[in-house]
Amino acid sequence: MKKIMVLLSIFIFSCSSDQSDVEGNVQDFEAPIITLLGENPQILYINEIFEDLGAIANDNMDGDISNSIVVSNNVNVTQSGTYNVIYNVIDSSNNSAVAKRTVEVIDPIVGTWTLTKEEWIADGTWPAGQARGCFMTNDAGSPDQLIVTENNATKNVWECFQDGSLAVDLTVYGPVSWTNLGENLYSFDGENVEITFIDNNEMQMPFDGGQILQTWNRN
């Protein structure tokens, strides 16, 4: 009797397997794999155009199912903050996968800047004996630097004479608080400064009561 039961079990299992093979009902419990393209986190500046960097998805049974990815995001480029881009995909066996990209939207002034040029834009030329910021290769001091975080700004300044010799050694201003007042107008510790952004890596700002125009490059 025991042998009959064993044979019957083998027969049932064999028929079941054959039926599964015939109908192609191979069970799949493995989730697809989503691979993000591009940087994560993705850094944007306020009012910069947001473009999704994309993702690809591969499944053990279905292969490339990138076209099935559904993307959603809450990115608001008009407001600084941390946002998310969510990628969701489901394979033919109803296995799902989710991936997330972080998007940081920051004010364009945030960063570390190095002085690359100072121009006298008031009447006449540089007054005799008046120092300028240090930025040229033959300057005795180090290039002036402006460090702006989300909360404050610090300025490291060396002053040089026109021949490049050092006039004043390192002076540190700050850290001071800053505020974006809109329309490229910023307030540094209560002093308003209008800044022109040439692109995301260069900006110009007036100095010394508007007599000097400084050009800064992002490091």
Protein backbone atom coordinates (compact mmCIF):
# COMPACT_ATOMS: atom_id res chain seq x y z
CA MET A 1 0.00 0.00 0.00
CA LYS A 2 2.87 2.34 0.88
CA LYS A 3 4.50 1.77 -2.53
CA ILE A 4 1.23 2.56 -4.28
CA MET A 5 0.95 5.91 -2.43
CA VAL A 6 4.52 6.86 -3.35
CA LEU A 7 3.96 6.03 -7.01
CA LEU A 8 0.70 7.97 -6.97
CA SER A 9 2.44 11.02 -5.51
CA ILE A 10 5.17 10.89 -8.16
CA PHE A 11 2.53 10.60 -10.89
CA ILE A 12 0.57 13.59 -9.59
CA PHE A 13 3.72 15.73 -9.28
CA SER A 14 4.81 14.74 -12.79
CA CYS A 15 1.45 15.61 -14.30
CA SER A 16 1.40 18.89 -12.43
CA SER A 17 4.88 19.79 -13.69
CA ASP A 18 4.02 18.84 -17.23
CA GLN A 19 0.84 20.92 -17.09
CA SER A 20 2.87 23.92 -15.78
CA ASP A 21 5.36 23.56 -18.61
CA VAL A 22 2.64 23.26 -21.24
CA GLU A 23 0.76 26.30 -20.07
CA GLY A 24 3.97 28.27 -19.42
CA ASN A 25 2.86 29.21 -15.90
CA VAL A 26 6.35 29.54 -14.43
CA GLN A 27 6.03 31.45 -11.19
CA ASP A 28 8.23 34.55 -10.89
CA PHE A 29 8.74 36.23 -7.53
CA GLU A 30 11.84 38.25 -8.38
CA ALA A 31 11.43 42.04 -8.52
CA PRO A 32 12.89 44.08 -11.41
CA ILE A 33 16.06 46.10 -10.88
CA ILE A 34 15.99 49.88 -11.43
CA THR A 35 19.26 51.65 -12.17
CA LEU A 36 19.34 55.45 -11.92
CA LEU A 37 21.13 57.38 -14.66
CA GLY A 38 23.11 60.50 -13.81
CA GLU A 39 23.90 62.05 -10.46
CA ASN A 40 22.20 61.24 -7.20
CA PRO A 41 21.69 63.63 -5.54
CA GLN A 42 21.01 65.96 -8.45
CA ILE A 43 21.93 69.60 -7.74
CA LEU A 44 19.91 72.44 -9.26
CA TYR A 45 19.93 76.19 -8.72
CA ILE A 46 16.77 78.19 -8.14
CA ASN A 47 14.88 78.77 -11.42
CA GLU A 48 17.15 76.37 -13.31
CA ILE A 49 15.24 74.09 -15.69
CA PHE A 50 14.66 70.66 -14.17
CA GLU A 51 15.30 67.70 -16.46
CA ASP A 52 14.77 64.15 -15.29
CA LEU A 53 18.06 62.27 -15.65
CA GLY A 54 16.18 59.02 -16.22
CA ALA A 55 16.53 55.40 -15.21
CA ILE A 56 16.55 51.93 -16.74
CA ALA A 57 14.82 48.78 -15.50
CA ASN A 58 15.65 45.14 -16.15
CA ASP A 59 13.70 42.05 -15.17
CA ASN A 60 14.85 38.45 -14.89
CA MET A 61 11.94 37.26 -17.05
CA ASP A 62 10.84 40.27 -19.12
CA GLY A 63 14.26 41.74 -19.86
CA ASP A 64 14.43 45.49 -20.49
CA ILE A 65 11.23 47.07 -19.17
CA SER A 66 12.52 50.65 -18.99
CA ASN A 67 9.55 51.86 -21.03
CA SER A 68 7.26 50.69 -18.21
CA ILE A 69 8.84 52.96 -15.60
CA VAL A 70 6.41 55.45 -14.09
CA VAL A 71 8.07 58.63 -12.82
CA SER A 72 6.71 61.11 -10.29
CA ASN A 73 8.35 64.06 -8.53
CA ASN A 74 7.64 67.03 -6.31
CA VAL A 75 10.49 69.23 -7.56
CA ASN A 76 9.87 72.98 -7.28
CA VAL A 77 12.76 74.93 -8.83
CA THR A 78 11.37 78.25 -7.59
CA GLN A 79 11.99 77.30 -3.98
CA SER A 80 15.18 76.00 -2.37
CA GLY A 81 14.79 72.66 -0.65
CA THR A 82 15.19 68.89 -0.91
CA TYR A 83 12.89 67.05 -3.31
CA ASN A 84 12.45 63.49 -4.58
CA VAL A 85 12.01 61.84 -7.97
CA ILE A 86 10.34 58.42 -7.62
CA TYR A 87 10.73 55.66 -10.23
CA ASN A 88 8.25 52.77 -10.10
CA VAL A 89 8.05 49.73 -12.36
CA ILE A 90 6.01 46.48 -12.37
CA ASP A 91 6.88 43.36 -14.37
CA SER A 92 4.44 40.97 -16.06
CA SER A 93 4.31 38.84 -12.91
CA ASN A 94 3.20 41.86 -10.87
CA ASN A 95 6.52 42.19 -9.06
CA SER A 96 7.28 45.84 -8.37
CA ALA A 97 10.39 47.90 -7.72
CA VAL A 98 10.88 51.48 -6.56
CA ALA A 99 13.94 53.75 -6.73
CA LYS A 100 14.41 57.32 -5.52
CA ARG A 101 16.62 60.22 -6.61
CA THR A 102 17.16 63.20 -4.34
CA VAL A 103 17.09 66.65 -5.94
CA GLU A 104 18.65 69.56 -4.06
CA VAL A 105 17.47 73.01 -5.20
CA ILE A 106 19.81 75.68 -3.85
CA ASP A 107 20.26 79.42 -4.23
CA PRO A 108 22.75 80.19 -7.04
CA ILE A 109 24.94 82.16 -4.66
CA VAL A 110 25.63 79.12 -2.47
CA GLY A 111 29.15 77.82 -3.03
CA THR A 112 32.82 78.75 -2.80
CA TRP A 113 33.87 81.61 -5.06
CA THR A 114 37.29 82.96 -6.01
CA LEU A 115 37.92 86.55 -7.12
CA THR A 116 39.19 86.60 -10.71
CA LYS A 117 38.89 90.27 -11.66
CA GLU A 118 38.41 93.77 -10.23
CA GLU A 119 37.53 96.72 -12.43
CA TRP A 120 37.38 100.40 -11.52
CA ILE A 121 34.02 101.52 -12.95
CA ALA A 122 33.77 104.94 -11.31
CA ASP A 123 35.03 108.08 -13.03
CA GLY A 124 38.70 108.10 -13.87
CA THR A 125 41.12 105.29 -13.10
CA TRP A 126 42.36 103.54 -10.00
CA PRO A 127 43.37 106.20 -7.47
CA ALA A 128 47.12 106.28 -6.87
CA GLY A 129 48.12 104.05 -3.99
CA GLN A 130 44.70 102.46 -3.54
CA ALA A 131 44.85 98.73 -2.99
CA ARG A 132 42.73 96.18 -4.79
CA GLY A 133 41.76 92.59 -4.14
CA CYS A 134 44.45 89.97 -4.73
CA PHE A 135 43.70 87.61 -7.61
CA MET A 136 46.47 87.75 -10.23
CA THR A 137 49.20 85.12 -10.44
CA ASN A 138 51.91 87.65 -9.52
CA ASP A 139 50.00 88.89 -6.46
CA ALA A 140 51.77 88.39 -3.14
CA GLY A 141 48.52 87.47 -1.40
CA SER A 142 46.21 84.58 -2.10
CA PRO A 143 43.13 85.08 -4.27
CA ASP A 144 40.20 86.54 -2.35
CA GLN A 145 37.58 83.96 -1.53
CA LEU A 146 33.86 84.16 -0.78
CA ILE A 147 32.30 81.15 0.93
CA VAL A 148 28.50 81.09 0.98
CA THR A 149 26.55 78.37 2.75
CA GLU A 150 22.79 78.10 3.10
CA ASN A 151 22.99 80.06 6.33
CA ASN A 152 25.88 82.50 6.17
CA ALA A 153 28.72 84.03 4.15
CA THR A 154 32.41 84.43 4.92
CA LYS A 155 34.87 86.52 2.92
CA ASN A 156 38.64 85.96 3.03
CA VAL A 157 40.41 89.03 1.68
CA TRP A 158 44.00 89.94 0.90
CA GLU A 159 44.65 93.44 -0.50
CA CYS A 160 47.34 94.10 -3.09
CA PHE A 161 48.77 97.22 -4.68
CA GLN A 162 48.66 97.62 -8.46
CA ASP A 163 52.14 96.15 -8.81
CA GLY A 164 50.98 92.98 -7.03
CA SER A 165 52.78 93.60 -3.74
CA LEU A 166 50.83 92.84 -0.58
CA ALA A 167 49.07 95.80 1.02
CA VAL A 168 47.02 94.05 3.71
CA ASP A 169 47.41 90.46 4.85
CA LEU A 170 44.48 88.10 5.29
CA THR A 171 41.35 89.68 6.76
CA VAL A 172 38.29 87.52 7.43
CA TYR A 173 34.85 89.09 7.24
CA GLY A 174 32.04 87.05 8.71
CA PRO A 175 30.40 84.75 8.95
CA VAL A 176 27.39 87.01 8.36
CA SER A 177 23.82 86.11 7.53
CA TRP A 178 22.45 86.68 4.05
CA THR A 179 19.02 86.88 2.44
CA ASN A 180 17.83 86.61 -1.16
CA LEU A 181 15.53 89.61 -1.63
CA GLY A 182 14.57 88.60 -5.17
CA GLU A 183 15.50 89.96 -8.59
CA ASN A 184 19.20 89.16 -7.92
CA LEU A 185 19.23 91.50 -4.91
CA TYR A 186 20.89 90.08 -1.79
CA SER A 187 21.29 91.40 1.71
CA PHE A 188 24.52 90.59 3.56
CA ASP A 189 24.17 91.46 7.23
CA GLY A 190 21.78 94.26 6.28
CA GLU A 191 23.81 95.60 3.33
CA ASN A 192 22.05 95.20 -0.02
CA VAL A 193 24.09 94.07 -3.03
CA GLU A 194 22.84 93.50 -6.58
CA ILE A 195 24.52 90.46 -8.11
CA THR A 196 24.64 89.54 -11.79
CA PHE A 197 25.01 85.83 -12.53
CA ILE A 198 26.79 85.29 -15.86
CA ASP A 199 26.03 81.59 -15.58
CA ASN A 200 26.00 79.12 -12.72
CA ASN A 201 29.78 79.41 -12.38
CA GLU A 202 30.41 83.15 -12.61
CA MET A 203 28.96 86.24 -10.97
CA GLN A 204 29.66 89.94 -10.73
CA MET A 205 28.96 92.31 -7.86
CA PRO A 206 29.69 95.95 -7.12
CA PHE A 207 32.07 96.84 -4.29
CA ASP A 208 33.26 99.90 -2.40
CA GLY A 209 30.11 101.93 -2.95
CA GLY A 210 29.77 100.84 -6.56
CA GLN A 211 33.16 102.16 -7.64
CA ILE A 212 34.57 98.69 -8.25
CA LEU A 213 33.08 95.72 -10.10
CA GLN A 214 34.24 92.32 -8.88
CA THR A 215 34.05 89.11 -10.88
CA TRP A 216 33.91 85.81 -8.99
CA ASN A 217 34.19 82.25 -10.30
CA ARG A 218 32.74 79.23 -8.57
CA ASN A 219 35.39 76.75 -7.46
